[in-house]
């Protein structure tokens, strides 16, 4: 199932190699839609590593949910699986130079602004990472102050009378 509300996208899948490729394409397309093209490579690398961990290690099944959210000026990518065991983060110095596994979370840490694991009891865990959105992708906001709109007048409490300020409804009609 795929949902595409304006600021998040959720994909439920079996973490199988062919499905991981589909998620990479979905993630790339969503980031292009949000005009976040500069984040595609890092986001795709990170989600690939997280889904590969689910494929290799998650038990009892490979079912997981990938969620990408655009929150303020951060992109958050998270993967929820049903295995309550937390990932073991290997020290990169202890990994053999030609090893083909054991560096996934170190790569996620290297390409992301932050990352972490959130245990969810018997229902599994969520592994997530964030990327800052590029300033060029955010509309530049400029605040223009009209100085005439900021006139303050000292008013004495006894000069306020209800008949001078009729009640108005906030409801139109």
C-alpha atoms as a PDB file:
ATOM      1  CA  UNK A   1       0.000   0.000   0.000  1.00  0.00           C
ATOM      2  CA  UNK A   2       1.277   3.458  -0.905  1.00  0.00           C
ATOM      3  CA  UNK A   3      -0.112   6.711   0.451  1.00  0.00           C
ATOM      4  CA  UNK A   4       0.935  10.133  -0.813  1.00  0.00           C
ATOM      5  CA  UNK A   5      -0.404  12.953   1.333  1.00  0.00           C
ATOM      6  CA  UNK A   6       1.377  16.214   0.643  1.00  0.00           C
ATOM      7  CA  UNK A   7       4.099  15.969   3.303  1.00  0.00           C
ATOM      8  CA  UNK A   8       4.648  12.253   3.798  1.00  0.00           C
ATOM      9  CA  UNK A   9       4.724   9.017   1.877  1.00  0.00           C
ATOM     10  CA  UNK A  10       4.307   5.532   3.352  1.00  0.00           C
ATOM     11  CA  UNK A  11       5.102   2.228   1.654  1.00  0.00           C
ATOM     12  CA  UNK A  12       4.419  -1.200   3.163  1.00  0.00           C
ATOM     13  CA  UNK A  13       6.420  -4.070   1.700  1.00  0.00           C
ATOM     14  CA  UNK A  14       8.320  -7.302   2.086  1.00  0.00           C
ATOM     15  CA  UNK A  15      12.027  -6.373   2.289  1.00  0.00           C
ATOM     16  CA  UNK A  16      13.084  -8.469  -0.689  1.00  0.00           C
ATOM     17  CA  UNK A  17      15.778  -7.295  -3.147  1.00  0.00           C
ATOM     18  CA  UNK A  18      13.281  -6.608  -5.958  1.00  0.00           C
ATOM     19  CA  UNK A  19      11.012  -4.621  -3.633  1.00  0.00           C
ATOM     20  CA  UNK A  20      13.945  -2.596  -2.281  1.00  0.00           C
ATOM     21  CA  UNK A  21      14.580  -1.364  -5.830  1.00  0.00           C
ATOM     22  CA  UNK A  22      10.929  -0.312  -6.112  1.00  0.00           C
ATOM     23  CA  UNK A  23      11.151   1.644  -2.869  1.00  0.00           C
ATOM     24  CA  UNK A  24      14.253   3.449  -4.148  1.00  0.00           C
ATOM     25  CA  UNK A  25      12.330   4.493  -7.272  1.00  0.00           C
ATOM     26  CA  UNK A  26       9.304   5.610  -5.214  1.00  0.00           C
ATOM     27  CA  UNK A  27      11.540   7.599  -2.855  1.00  0.00           C
ATOM     28  CA  UNK A  28      13.362   9.251  -5.774  1.00  0.00           C
ATOM     29  CA  UNK A  29      10.090  10.189  -7.463  1.00  0.00           C
ATOM     30  CA  UNK A  30       8.639  11.617  -4.240  1.00  0.00           C
ATOM     31  CA  UNK A  31      11.737  13.722  -3.579  1.00  0.00           C
ATOM     32  CA  UNK A  32      11.624  15.042  -7.154  1.00  0.00           C
ATOM     33  CA  UNK A  33       7.944  15.902  -6.632  1.00  0.00           C
ATOM     34  CA  UNK A  34       8.889  17.838  -3.479  1.00  0.00           C
ATOM     35  CA  UNK A  35      11.746  19.544  -5.406  1.00  0.00           C
ATOM     36  CA  UNK A  36      14.344  17.917  -3.153  1.00  0.00           C
ATOM     37  CA  UNK A  37      16.487  16.437  -5.928  1.00  0.00           C
ATOM     38  CA  UNK A  38      19.778  17.150  -4.072  1.00  0.00           C
ATOM     39  CA  UNK A  39      18.702  14.704  -1.317  1.00  0.00           C
ATOM     40  CA  UNK A  40      17.928  11.755  -3.596  1.00  0.00           C
ATOM     41  CA  UNK A  41      21.342  10.031  -3.544  1.00  0.00           C
ATOM     42  CA  UNK A  42      21.763  10.189   0.232  1.00  0.00           C
ATOM     43  CA  UNK A  43      18.131   9.258   0.956  1.00  0.00           C
ATOM     44  CA  UNK A  44      18.249   6.304  -1.462  1.00  0.00           C
ATOM     45  CA  UNK A  45      21.535   5.055   0.006  1.00  0.00           C
ATOM     46  CA  UNK A  46      20.165   5.320   3.552  1.00  0.00           C
ATOM     47  CA  UNK A  47      16.858   3.587   2.855  1.00  0.00           C
ATOM     48  CA  UNK A  48      18.666   0.855   0.898  1.00  0.00           C
ATOM     49  CA  UNK A  49      20.884   0.120   3.900  1.00  0.00           C
ATOM     50  CA  UNK A  50      17.937   0.069   6.318  1.00  0.00           C
ATOM     51  CA  UNK A  51      15.893  -2.237   4.080  1.00  0.00           C
ATOM     52  CA  UNK A  52      18.884  -4.508   3.504  1.00  0.00           C
ATOM     53  CA  UNK A  53      19.167  -4.878   7.287  1.00  0.00           C
ATOM     54  CA  UNK A  54      15.503  -5.889   7.451  1.00  0.00           C
ATOM     55  CA  UNK A  55      16.054  -8.389   4.618  1.00  0.00           C
ATOM     56  CA  UNK A  56      19.138  -9.907   6.287  1.00  0.00           C
ATOM     57  CA  UNK A  57      18.235  -9.782   9.965  1.00  0.00           C
ATOM     58  CA  UNK A  58      14.538  -9.203  10.743  1.00  0.00           C
ATOM     59  CA  UNK A  59      12.523 -12.025  12.256  1.00  0.00           C
ATOM     60  CA  UNK A  60       9.866 -13.426  12.253  1.00  0.00           C
ATOM     61  CA  UNK A  61       9.145 -11.920   8.822  1.00  0.00           C
ATOM     62  CA  UNK A  62      10.457  -9.358   6.349  1.00  0.00           C
ATOM     63  CA  UNK A  63       7.345  -7.163   6.410  1.00  0.00           C
ATOM     64  CA  UNK A  64       8.164  -3.525   7.019  1.00  0.00           C
ATOM     65  CA  UNK A  65       6.910   0.005   6.485  1.00  0.00           C
ATOM     66  CA  UNK A  66       8.999   2.793   4.983  1.00  0.00           C
ATOM     67  CA  UNK A  67       7.870   6.314   5.795  1.00  0.00           C
ATOM     68  CA  UNK A  68       9.313   9.538   4.469  1.00  0.00           C
ATOM     69  CA  UNK A  69       8.224  12.796   6.014  1.00  0.00           C
ATOM     70  CA  UNK A  70       9.019  16.374   5.225  1.00  0.00           C
ATOM     71  CA  UNK A  71       8.888  18.223   8.537  1.00  0.00           C
ATOM     72  CA  UNK A  72       9.862  21.883   8.468  1.00  0.00           C
ATOM     73  CA  UNK A  73      13.383  21.861   7.045  1.00  0.00           C
ATOM     74  CA  UNK A  74      14.139  18.168   7.589  1.00  0.00           C
ATOM     75  CA  UNK A  75      13.475  15.013   5.641  1.00  0.00           C
ATOM     76  CA  UNK A  76      12.945  12.015   7.918  1.00  0.00           C
ATOM     77  CA  UNK A  77      13.176   8.504   6.495  1.00  0.00           C
ATOM     78  CA  UNK A  78      12.152   5.648   8.779  1.00  0.00           C
ATOM     79  CA  UNK A  79      11.767   1.893   8.472  1.00  0.00           C
ATOM     80  CA  UNK A  80       9.556  -0.021  10.904  1.00  0.00           C
ATOM     81  CA  UNK A  81       9.964  -3.800  11.103  1.00  0.00           C
ATOM     82  CA  UNK A  82       8.432  -6.376  13.435  1.00  0.00           C
ATOM     83  CA  UNK A  83      11.663  -7.619  15.006  1.00  0.00           C
ATOM     84  CA  UNK A  84      12.078  -6.167  18.518  1.00  0.00           C
ATOM     85  CA  UNK A  85      15.833  -6.856  18.503  1.00  0.00           C
ATOM     86  CA  UNK A  86      17.823  -3.652  18.156  1.00  0.00           C
ATOM     87  CA  UNK A  87      20.545  -3.440  15.509  1.00  0.00           C
ATOM     88  CA  UNK A  88      24.146  -3.978  16.523  1.00  0.00           C
ATOM     89  CA  UNK A  89      26.313  -1.155  15.294  1.00  0.00           C
ATOM     90  CA  UNK A  90      29.746  -2.445  14.433  1.00  0.00           C
ATOM     91  CA  UNK A  91      32.772  -0.261  14.987  1.00  0.00           C
ATOM     92  CA  UNK A  92      34.009   0.557  11.492  1.00  0.00           C
ATOM     93  CA  UNK A  93      37.612   0.072  12.682  1.00  0.00           C
ATOM     94  CA  UNK A  94      36.811  -3.568  13.478  1.00  0.00           C
ATOM     95  CA  UNK A  95      35.406  -4.286  10.010  1.00  0.00           C
ATOM     96  CA  UNK A  96      37.634  -6.018   7.495  1.00  0.00           C
ATOM     97  CA  UNK A  97      38.535  -3.730   4.562  1.00  0.00           C
ATOM     98  CA  UNK A  98      37.013  -6.110   1.991  1.00  0.00           C
ATOM     99  CA  UNK A  99      33.992  -7.206   4.067  1.00  0.00           C
ATOM    100  CA  UNK A 100      30.682  -7.066   2.204  1.00  0.00           C
ATOM    101  CA  UNK A 101      28.553  -6.389   5.282  1.00  0.00           C
ATOM    102  CA  UNK A 102      28.758  -4.665   8.634  1.00  0.00           C
ATOM    103  CA  UNK A 103      29.010  -1.064   7.420  1.00  0.00           C
ATOM    104  CA  UNK A 104      25.362  -0.237   6.715  1.00  0.00           C
ATOM    105  CA  UNK A 105      24.524   1.819   9.773  1.00  0.00           C
ATOM    106  CA  UNK A 106      27.943   3.501   9.644  1.00  0.00           C
ATOM    107  CA  UNK A 107      27.073   4.615   6.100  1.00  0.00           C
ATOM    108  CA  UNK A 108      23.661   5.829   7.243  1.00  0.00           C
ATOM    109  CA  UNK A 109      25.390   7.830   9.979  1.00  0.00           C
ATOM    110  CA  UNK A 110      27.897   9.229   7.475  1.00  0.00           C
ATOM    111  CA  UNK A 111      25.332  10.458   4.936  1.00  0.00           C
ATOM    112  CA  UNK A 112      22.682  11.704   7.362  1.00  0.00           C
ATOM    113  CA  UNK A 113      22.378  14.593   9.751  1.00  0.00           C
ATOM    114  CA  UNK A 114      21.158  12.284  12.520  1.00  0.00           C
ATOM    115  CA  UNK A 115      19.864   8.751  12.919  1.00  0.00           C
ATOM    116  CA  UNK A 116      18.555   6.472  15.621  1.00  0.00           C
ATOM    117  CA  UNK A 117      16.495   3.488  16.679  1.00  0.00           C
ATOM    118  CA  UNK A 118      13.168   3.662  18.483  1.00  0.00           C
ATOM    119  CA  UNK A 119      12.113   0.402  20.161  1.00  0.00           C
ATOM    120  CA  UNK A 120       8.383  -0.292  19.943  1.00  0.00           C
ATOM    121  CA  UNK A 121       8.160  -3.208  22.365  1.00  0.00           C
ATOM    122  CA  UNK A 122       6.813  -6.448  20.967  1.00  0.00           C
ATOM    123  CA  UNK A 123       5.679  -4.719  17.760  1.00  0.00           C
ATOM    124  CA  UNK A 124       9.277  -4.211  16.637  1.00  0.00           C
ATOM    125  CA  UNK A 125      11.386  -1.129  16.121  1.00  0.00           C
ATOM    126  CA  UNK A 126      11.832   1.905  13.918  1.00  0.00           C
ATOM    127  CA  UNK A 127      15.233   2.818  12.502  1.00  0.00           C
ATOM    128  CA  UNK A 128      15.325   6.371  11.143  1.00  0.00           C
ATOM    129  CA  UNK A 129      17.582   9.067   9.738  1.00  0.00           C
ATOM    130  CA  UNK A 130      17.204  12.727   8.871  1.00  0.00           C
ATOM    131  CA  UNK A 131      18.572  14.928   6.126  1.00  0.00           C
ATOM    132  CA  UNK A 132      18.442  18.723   6.123  1.00  0.00           C
ATOM    133  CA  UNK A 133      16.601  20.141   3.145  1.00  0.00           C
ATOM    134  CA  UNK A 134      18.700  22.413   0.952  1.00  0.00           C
ATOM    135  CA  UNK A 135      17.985  26.107   1.440  1.00  0.00           C
ATOM    136  CA  UNK A 136      17.464  26.502  -2.303  1.00  0.00           C
ATOM    137  CA  UNK A 137      14.431  24.213  -2.116  1.00  0.00           C
ATOM    138  CA  UNK A 138      12.707  26.306   0.521  1.00  0.00           C
ATOM    139  CA  UNK A 139      10.941  29.446  -0.570  1.00  0.00           C
ATOM    140  CA  UNK A 140      12.769  32.451   0.759  1.00  0.00           C
ATOM    141  CA  UNK A 141      10.587  34.373   3.178  1.00  0.00           C
ATOM    142  CA  UNK A 142      10.992  38.054   3.554  1.00  0.00           C
ATOM    143  CA  UNK A 143       9.201  39.971   6.221  1.00  0.00           C
ATOM    144  CA  UNK A 144       8.288  43.500   5.313  1.00  0.00           C
ATOM    145  CA  UNK A 145       7.104  45.603   8.204  1.00  0.00           C
ATOM    146  CA  UNK A 146       4.733  48.428   7.587  1.00  0.00           C
ATOM    147  CA  UNK A 147       5.696  50.865  10.321  1.00  0.00           C
ATOM    148  CA  UNK A 148       2.286  52.539  10.185  1.00  0.00           C
ATOM    149  CA  UNK A 149       0.696  49.289  11.352  1.00  0.00           C
ATOM    150  CA  UNK A 150       2.584  49.378  14.638  1.00  0.00           C
ATOM    151  CA  UNK A 151       1.190  52.369  16.478  1.00  0.00           C
ATOM    152  CA  UNK A 152       0.759  51.841  20.179  1.00  0.00           C
ATOM    153  CA  UNK A 153      -1.370  54.126  22.301  1.00  0.00           C
ATOM    154  CA  UNK A 154      -1.383  54.178  26.045  1.00  0.00           C
ATOM    155  CA  UNK A 155      -4.902  53.485  27.259  1.00  0.00           C
ATOM    156  CA  UNK A 156      -6.036  53.691  30.847  1.00  0.00           C
ATOM    157  CA  UNK A 157      -8.148  50.786  32.073  1.00  0.00           C
ATOM    158  CA  UNK A 158     -10.904  53.087  33.317  1.00  0.00           C
ATOM    159  CA  UNK A 159     -11.319  54.576  29.847  1.00  0.00           C
ATOM    160  CA  UNK A 160     -12.367  51.223  28.371  1.00  0.00           C
ATOM    161  CA  UNK A 161     -16.147  50.889  28.209  1.00  0.00           C
ATOM    162  CA  UNK A 162     -18.060  47.964  26.742  1.00  0.00           C
ATOM    163  CA  UNK A 163     -20.214  50.266  24.599  1.00  0.00           C
ATOM    164  CA  UNK A 164     -17.119  51.429  22.728  1.00  0.00           C
ATOM    165  CA  UNK A 165     -16.172  47.884  21.737  1.00  0.00           C
ATOM    166  CA  UNK A 166     -19.210  46.014  20.453  1.00  0.00           C
ATOM    167  CA  UNK A 167     -18.948  42.243  20.450  1.00  0.00           C
ATOM    168  CA  UNK A 168     -18.409  40.627  17.071  1.00  0.00           C
ATOM    169  CA  UNK A 169     -18.777  37.030  16.150  1.00  0.00           C
ATOM    170  CA  UNK A 170     -15.807  35.187  14.738  1.00  0.00           C
ATOM    171  CA  UNK A 171     -18.211  33.055  12.715  1.00  0.00           C
ATOM    172  CA  UNK A 172     -18.994  34.348   9.245  1.00  0.00           C
ATOM    173  CA  UNK A 173     -22.643  34.783   8.352  1.00  0.00           C
END
